Amino acid sequence: MQSFRDSIMFPLVLLVGGVVLFFLILFLTGHDPDEKPLTVFHWVLGGMLIGPGFGYLIRWRQKRDRSGV
């Protein structure tokens, strides 16, 4: 049986959680992307929150390809 960190759900949870947290931070700071565009700070923050999910997704894909499943 696979552990949770080795399943596809872990990267998906990280991706969704990062997106939700990014929008929550935008909401709490009162930033409205319709009024003014996102700054470099917002893009970097979004990448830091969403990026780990992509890293784990790549790692999961490589493990799956090596195991031949």
PDB file of N, CA and C in Angstrom:
ATOM      1  N   MET A   1       0.834  -1.181   0.000  1.00  0.00           N
ATOM      2  CA  MET A   1       0.000   0.000   0.000  1.00  0.00           C
ATOM      3  C   MET A   1       0.881   1.248   0.000  1.00  0.00           C
ATOM      4  N   GLN A   2       0.497   2.224  -0.785  1.00  0.00           N
ATOM      5  CA  GLN A   2       1.246   3.472  -0.893  1.00  0.00           C
ATOM      6  C   GLN A   2       0.974   4.366   0.309  1.00  0.00           C
ATOM      7  N   SER A   3       1.987   5.136   0.686  1.00  0.00           N
ATOM      8  CA  SER A   3       1.746   6.157   1.691  1.00  0.00           C
ATOM      9  C   SER A   3       1.122   7.371   1.006  1.00  0.00           C
ATOM     10  N   PHE A   4       0.589   8.271   1.805  1.00  0.00           N
ATOM     11  CA  PHE A   4      -0.077   9.442   1.239  1.00  0.00           C
ATOM     12  C   PHE A   4       0.896  10.310   0.450  1.00  0.00           C
ATOM     13  N   ARG A   5       2.141  10.425   0.918  1.00  0.00           N
ATOM     14  CA  ARG A   5       3.120  11.264   0.224  1.00  0.00           C
ATOM     15  C   ARG A   5       3.533  10.678  -1.111  1.00  0.00           C
ATOM     16  N   ASP A   6       3.358   9.379  -1.313  1.00  0.00           N
ATOM     17  CA  ASP A   6       3.715   8.752  -2.585  1.00  0.00           C
ATOM     18  C   ASP A   6       2.548   8.698  -3.560  1.00  0.00           C
ATOM     19  N   SER A   7       1.362   9.088  -3.117  1.00  0.00           N
ATOM     20  CA  SER A   7       0.191   9.031  -3.997  1.00  0.00           C
ATOM     21  C   SER A   7       0.063  10.339  -4.780  1.00  0.00           C
ATOM     22  N   ILE A   8      -0.813  10.349  -5.758  1.00  0.00           N
ATOM     23  CA  ILE A   8      -1.054  11.532  -6.577  1.00  0.00           C
ATOM     24  C   ILE A   8      -1.791  12.603  -5.787  1.00  0.00           C
ATOM     25  N   MET A   9      -2.455  12.217  -4.709  1.00  0.00           N
ATOM     26  CA  MET A   9      -3.232  13.181  -3.935  1.00  0.00           C
ATOM     27  C   MET A   9      -2.362  14.226  -3.243  1.00  0.00           C
ATOM     28  N   PHE A  10      -1.154  13.857  -2.816  1.00  0.00           N
ATOM     29  CA  PHE A  10      -0.294  14.803  -2.108  1.00  0.00           C
ATOM     30  C   PHE A  10       0.060  16.014  -2.970  1.00  0.00           C
ATOM     31  N   PRO A  11       0.555  15.837  -4.208  1.00  0.00           N
ATOM     32  CA  PRO A  11       0.825  17.030  -5.022  1.00  0.00           C
ATOM     33  C   PRO A  11      -0.435  17.818  -5.365  1.00  0.00           C
ATOM     34  N   LEU A  12      -1.542  17.122  -5.569  1.00  0.00           N
ATOM     35  CA  LEU A  12      -2.780  17.829  -5.887  1.00  0.00           C
ATOM     36  C   LEU A  12      -3.261  18.662  -4.711  1.00  0.00           C
ATOM     37  N   VAL A  13      -3.131  18.125  -3.500  1.00  0.00           N
ATOM     38  CA  VAL A  13      -3.511  18.883  -2.308  1.00  0.00           C
ATOM     39  C   VAL A  13      -2.606  20.101  -2.150  1.00  0.00           C
ATOM     40  N   LEU A  14      -1.305  19.939  -2.416  1.00  0.00           N
ATOM     41  CA  LEU A  14      -0.389  21.076  -2.331  1.00  0.00           C
ATOM     42  C   LEU A  14      -0.728  22.145  -3.373  1.00  0.00           C
ATOM     43  N   LEU A  15      -1.052  21.735  -4.588  1.00  0.00           N
ATOM     44  CA  LEU A  15      -1.409  22.694  -5.634  1.00  0.00           C
ATOM     45  C   LEU A  15      -2.667  23.467  -5.274  1.00  0.00           C
ATOM     46  N   VAL A  16      -3.710  22.748  -4.909  1.00  0.00           N
ATOM     47  CA  VAL A  16      -4.986  23.390  -4.572  1.00  0.00           C
ATOM     48  C   VAL A  16      -4.827  24.257  -3.326  1.00  0.00           C
ATOM     49  N   GLY A  17      -4.108  23.750  -2.342  1.00  0.00           N
ATOM     50  CA  GLY A  17      -3.885  24.528  -1.126  1.00  0.00           C
ATOM     51  C   GLY A  17      -3.109  25.804  -1.398  1.00  0.00           C
ATOM     52  N   GLY A  18      -2.107  25.742  -2.272  1.00  0.00           N
ATOM     53  CA  GLY A  18      -1.343  26.934  -2.627  1.00  0.00           C
ATOM     54  C   GLY A  18      -2.187  27.973  -3.335  1.00  0.00           C
ATOM     55  N   VAL A  19      -3.036  27.528  -4.239  1.00  0.00           N
ATOM     56  CA  VAL A  19      -3.912  28.459  -4.961  1.00  0.00           C
ATOM     57  C   VAL A  19      -4.900  29.106  -3.996  1.00  0.00           C
ATOM     58  N   VAL A  20      -5.495  28.299  -3.127  1.00  0.00           N
ATOM     59  CA  VAL A  20      -6.458  28.831  -2.158  1.00  0.00           C
ATOM     60  C   VAL A  20      -5.776  29.825  -1.220  1.00  0.00           C
ATOM     61  N   LEU A  21      -4.597  29.475  -0.737  1.00  0.00           N
ATOM     62  CA  LEU A  21      -3.876  30.366   0.168  1.00  0.00           C
ATOM     63  C   LEU A  21      -3.479  31.663  -0.535  1.00  0.00           C
ATOM     64  N   PHE A  22      -3.087  31.588  -1.794  1.00  0.00           N
ATOM     65  CA  PHE A  22      -2.741  32.792  -2.546  1.00  0.00           C
ATOM     66  C   PHE A  22      -3.939  33.732  -2.666  1.00  0.00           C
ATOM     67  N   PHE A  23      -5.093  33.185  -3.025  1.00  0.00           N
ATOM     68  CA  PHE A  23      -6.280  34.027  -3.141  1.00  0.00           C
ATOM     69  C   PHE A  23      -6.746  34.536  -1.784  1.00  0.00           C
ATOM     70  N   LEU A  24      -6.541  33.749  -0.736  1.00  0.00           N
ATOM     71  CA  LEU A  24      -6.884  34.208   0.606  1.00  0.00           C
ATOM     72  C   LEU A  24      -5.999  35.387   1.009  1.00  0.00           C
ATOM     73  N   ILE A  25      -4.716  35.324   0.698  1.00  0.00           N
ATOM     74  CA  ILE A  25      -3.813  36.436   1.002  1.00  0.00           C
ATOM     75  C   ILE A  25      -4.214  37.679   0.211  1.00  0.00           C
ATOM     76  N   LEU A  26      -4.560  37.507  -1.071  1.00  0.00           N
ATOM     77  CA  LEU A  26      -5.026  38.654  -1.853  1.00  0.00           C
ATOM     78  C   LEU A  26      -6.286  39.249  -1.241  1.00  0.00           C
ATOM     79  N   PHE A  27      -7.185  38.401  -0.784  1.00  0.00           N
ATOM     80  CA  PHE A  27      -8.432  38.874  -0.176  1.00  0.00           C
ATOM     81  C   PHE A  27      -8.161  39.609   1.134  1.00  0.00           C
ATOM     82  N   LEU A  28      -7.302  39.036   1.979  1.00  0.00           N
ATOM     83  CA  LEU A  28      -7.035  39.640   3.282  1.00  0.00           C
ATOM     84  C   LEU A  28      -6.273  40.961   3.162  1.00  0.00           C
ATOM     85  N   THR A  29      -5.438  41.094   2.151  1.00  0.00           N
ATOM     86  CA  THR A  29      -4.720  42.351   1.961  1.00  0.00           C
ATOM     87  C   THR A  29      -5.538  43.375   1.192  1.00  0.00           C
ATOM     88  N   GLY A  30      -6.685  42.974   0.676  1.00  0.00           N
ATOM     89  CA  GLY A  30      -7.565  43.894  -0.026  1.00  0.00           C
ATOM     90  C   GLY A  30      -7.125  44.212  -1.445  1.00  0.00           C
ATOM     91  N   HIS A  31      -6.311  43.370  -2.026  1.00  0.00           N
ATOM     92  CA  HIS A  31      -5.841  43.610  -3.391  1.00  0.00           C
ATOM     93  C   HIS A  31      -6.892  43.139  -4.387  1.00  0.00           C
ATOM     94  N   ASP A  32      -7.265  44.013  -5.305  1.00  0.00           N
ATOM     95  CA  ASP A  32      -8.229  43.670  -6.344  1.00  0.00           C
ATOM     96  C   ASP A  32      -7.516  43.686  -7.689  1.00  0.00           C
ATOM     97  N   PRO A  33      -7.301  42.514  -8.299  1.00  0.00           N
ATOM     98  CA  PRO A  33      -6.584  42.469  -9.586  1.00  0.00           C
ATOM     99  C   PRO A  33      -7.299  43.211 -10.710  1.00  0.00           C
ATOM    100  N   ASP A  34      -8.611  43.465 -10.559  1.00  0.00           N
ATOM    101  CA  ASP A  34      -9.319  44.225 -11.594  1.00  0.00           C
ATOM    102  C   ASP A  34      -8.956  45.706 -11.544  1.00  0.00           C
ATOM    103  N   GLU A  35      -8.619  46.220 -10.363  1.00  0.00           N
ATOM    104  CA  GLU A  35      -8.291  47.633 -10.227  1.00  0.00           C
ATOM    105  C   GLU A  35      -6.840  47.929 -10.588  1.00  0.00           C
ATOM    106  N   LYS A  36      -5.920  47.077 -10.142  1.00  0.00           N
ATOM    107  CA  LYS A  36      -4.513  47.256 -10.492  1.00  0.00           C
ATOM    108  C   LYS A  36      -3.887  45.879 -10.670  1.00  0.00           C
ATOM    109  N   PRO A  37      -2.929  45.767 -11.587  1.00  0.00           N
ATOM    110  CA  PRO A  37      -2.337  44.449 -11.867  1.00  0.00           C
ATOM    111  C   PRO A  37      -1.500  43.938 -10.696  1.00  0.00           C
ATOM    112  N   LEU A  38      -1.248  42.654 -10.724  1.00  0.00           N
ATOM    113  CA  LEU A  38      -0.408  42.048  -9.706  1.00  0.00           C
ATOM    114  C   LEU A  38       1.025  42.533  -9.869  1.00  0.00           C
ATOM    115  N   THR A  39       1.678  42.751  -8.742  1.00  0.00           N
ATOM    116  CA  THR A  39       3.071  43.202  -8.774  1.00  0.00           C
ATOM    117  C   THR A  39       3.993  41.989  -8.821  1.00  0.00           C
ATOM    118  N   VAL A  40       5.282  42.253  -8.953  1.00  0.00           N
ATOM    119  CA  VAL A  40       6.270  41.181  -8.968  1.00  0.00           C
ATOM    120  C   VAL A  40       6.212  40.420  -7.643  1.00  0.00           C
ATOM    121  N   PHE A  41       6.009  41.149  -6.550  1.00  0.00           N
ATOM    122  CA  PHE A  41       5.884  40.509  -5.245  1.00  0.00           C
ATOM    123  C   PHE A  41       4.763  39.477  -5.236  1.00  0.00           C
ATOM    124  N   HIS A  42       3.607  39.811  -5.809  1.00  0.00           N
ATOM    125  CA  HIS A  42       2.481  38.880  -5.841  1.00  0.00           C
ATOM    126  C   HIS A  42       2.792  37.658  -6.700  1.00  0.00           C
ATOM    127  N   TRP A  43       3.475  37.855  -7.823  1.00  0.00           N
ATOM    128  CA  TRP A  43       3.827  36.732  -8.683  1.00  0.00           C
ATOM    129  C   TRP A  43       4.811  35.797  -7.993  1.00  0.00           C
ATOM    130  N   VAL A  44       5.783  36.380  -7.289  1.00  0.00           N
ATOM    131  CA  VAL A  44       6.766  35.563  -6.567  1.00  0.00           C
ATOM    132  C   VAL A  44       6.079  34.809  -5.426  1.00  0.00           C
ATOM    133  N   LEU A  45       5.214  35.496  -4.698  1.00  0.00           N
ATOM    134  CA  LEU A  45       4.478  34.853  -3.610  1.00  0.00           C
ATOM    135  C   LEU A  45       3.621  33.704  -4.135  1.00  0.00           C
ATOM    136  N   GLY A  46       2.930  33.920  -5.236  1.00  0.00           N
ATOM    137  CA  GLY A  46       2.123  32.857  -5.835  1.00  0.00           C
ATOM    138  C   GLY A  46       2.972  31.671  -6.265  1.00  0.00           C
ATOM    139  N   GLY A  47       4.124  31.947  -6.836  1.00  0.00           N
ATOM    140  CA  GLY A  47       5.029  30.866  -7.231  1.00  0.00           C
ATOM    141  C   GLY A  47       5.551  30.083  -6.044  1.00  0.00           C
ATOM    142  N   MET A  48       5.828  30.790  -4.947  1.00  0.00           N
ATOM    143  CA  MET A  48       6.314  30.109  -3.743  1.00  0.00           C
ATOM    144  C   MET A  48       5.236  29.231  -3.121  1.00  0.00           C
ATOM    145  N   LEU A  49       3.984  29.628  -3.236  1.00  0.00           N
ATOM    146  CA  LEU A  49       2.901  28.848  -2.645  1.00  0.00           C
ATOM    147  C   LEU A  49       2.482  27.674  -3.537  1.00  0.00           C
ATOM    148  N   ILE A  50       2.518  27.862  -4.838  1.00  0.00           N
ATOM    149  CA  ILE A  50       2.032  26.843  -5.771  1.00  0.00           C
ATOM    150  C   ILE A  50       3.161  25.926  -6.237  1.00  0.00           C
ATOM    151  N   GLY A  51       4.390  26.427  -6.269  1.00  0.00           N
ATOM    152  CA  GLY A  51       5.537  25.689  -6.789  1.00  0.00           C
ATOM    153  C   GLY A  51       5.813  24.333  -6.170  1.00  0.00           C
ATOM    154  N   PRO A  52       5.753  24.184  -4.839  1.00  0.00           N
ATOM    155  CA  PRO A  52       6.038  22.867  -4.253  1.00  0.00           C
ATOM    156  C   PRO A  52       5.114  21.757  -4.768  1.00  0.00           C
ATOM    157  N   GLY A  53       3.883  22.090  -5.064  1.00  0.00           N
ATOM    158  CA  GLY A  53       2.966  21.094  -5.613  1.00  0.00           C
ATOM    159  C   GLY A  53       3.439  20.583  -6.954  1.00  0.00           C
ATOM    160  N   PHE A  54       3.957  21.483  -7.803  1.00  0.00           N
ATOM    161  CA  PHE A  54       4.488  21.064  -9.090  1.00  0.00           C
ATOM    162  C   PHE A  54       5.730  20.202  -8.922  1.00  0.00           C
ATOM    163  N   GLY A  55       6.576  20.553  -7.952  1.00  0.00           N
ATOM    164  CA  GLY A  55       7.771  19.753  -7.690  1.00  0.00           C
ATOM    165  C   GLY A  55       7.426  18.331  -7.280  1.00  0.00           C
ATOM    166  N   TYR A  56       6.465  18.191  -6.375  1.00  0.00           N
ATOM    167  CA  TYR A  56       6.048  16.860  -5.958  1.00  0.00           C
ATOM    168  C   TYR A  56       5.335  16.109  -7.084  1.00  0.00           C
ATOM    169  N   LEU A  57       4.621  16.845  -7.943  1.00  0.00           N
ATOM    170  CA  LEU A  57       3.966  16.204  -9.080  1.00  0.00           C
ATOM    171  C   LEU A  57       4.998  15.637 -10.048  1.00  0.00           C
ATOM    172  N   ILE A  58       6.084  16.364 -10.286  1.00  0.00           N
ATOM    173  CA  ILE A  58       7.164  15.864 -11.148  1.00  0.00           C
ATOM    174  C   ILE A  58       7.823  14.653 -10.506  1.00  0.00           C
ATOM    175  N   ARG A  59       8.068  14.721  -9.191  1.00  0.00           N
ATOM    176  CA  ARG A  59       8.686  13.591  -8.491  1.00  0.00           C
ATOM    177  C   ARG A  59       7.775  12.355  -8.552  1.00  0.00           C
ATOM    178  N   TRP A  60       6.455  12.545  -8.384  1.00  0.00           N
ATOM    179  CA  TRP A  60       5.515  11.431  -8.459  1.00  0.00           C
ATOM    180  C   TRP A  60       5.540  10.813  -9.852  1.00  0.00           C
ATOM    181  N   ARG A  61       5.590  11.653 -10.887  1.00  0.00           N
ATOM    182  CA  ARG A  61       5.601  11.160 -12.269  1.00  0.00           C
ATOM    183  C   ARG A  61       6.870  10.350 -12.549  1.00  0.00           C
ATOM    184  N   GLN A  62       8.004  10.828 -12.055  1.00  0.00           N
ATOM    185  CA  GLN A  62       9.256  10.103 -12.266  1.00  0.00           C
ATOM    186  C   GLN A  62       9.238   8.762 -11.560  1.00  0.00           C
ATOM    187  N   LYS A  63       8.694   8.699 -10.351  1.00  0.00           N
ATOM    188  CA  LYS A  63       8.590   7.421  -9.638  1.00  0.00           C
ATOM    189  C   LYS A  63       7.681   6.459 -10.378  1.00  0.00           C
ATOM    190  N   ARG A  64       6.581   6.982 -10.900  1.00  0.00           N
ATOM    191  CA  ARG A  64       5.634   6.137 -11.637  1.00  0.00           C
ATOM    192  C   ARG A  64       6.258   5.608 -12.911  1.00  0.00           C
ATOM    193  N   ASP A  65       7.016   6.453 -13.613  1.00  0.00           N
ATOM    194  CA  ASP A  65       7.656   6.017 -14.857  1.00  0.00           C
ATOM    195  C   ASP A  65       8.731   4.950 -14.598  1.00  0.00           C
ATOM    196  N   ARG A  66       9.466   5.083 -13.491  1.00  0.00           N
ATOM    197  CA  ARG A  66      10.506   4.102 -13.167  1.00  0.00           C
ATOM    198  C   ARG A  66       9.913   2.773 -12.743  1.00  0.00           C
ATOM    199  N   SER A  67       8.747   2.815 -12.087  1.00  0.00           N
ATOM    200  CA  SER A  67       8.160   1.563 -11.609  1.00  0.00           C
ATOM    201  C   SER A  67       7.413   0.822 -12.728  1.00  0.00           C
ATOM    202  N   GLY A  68       7.108   1.505 -13.817  1.00  0.00           N
ATOM    203  CA  GLY A  68       6.455   0.841 -14.951  1.00  0.00           C
ATOM    204  C   GLY A  68       4.962   0.663 -14.775  1.00  0.00           C
ATOM    205  N   VAL A  69       4.361   1.430 -13.914  1.00  0.00           N
ATOM    206  CA  VAL A  69       2.897   1.311 -13.677  1.00  0.00           C
ATOM    207  C   VAL A  69       2.154   2.050 -14.725  1.00  0.00           C
TER     208      VAL A  69
END
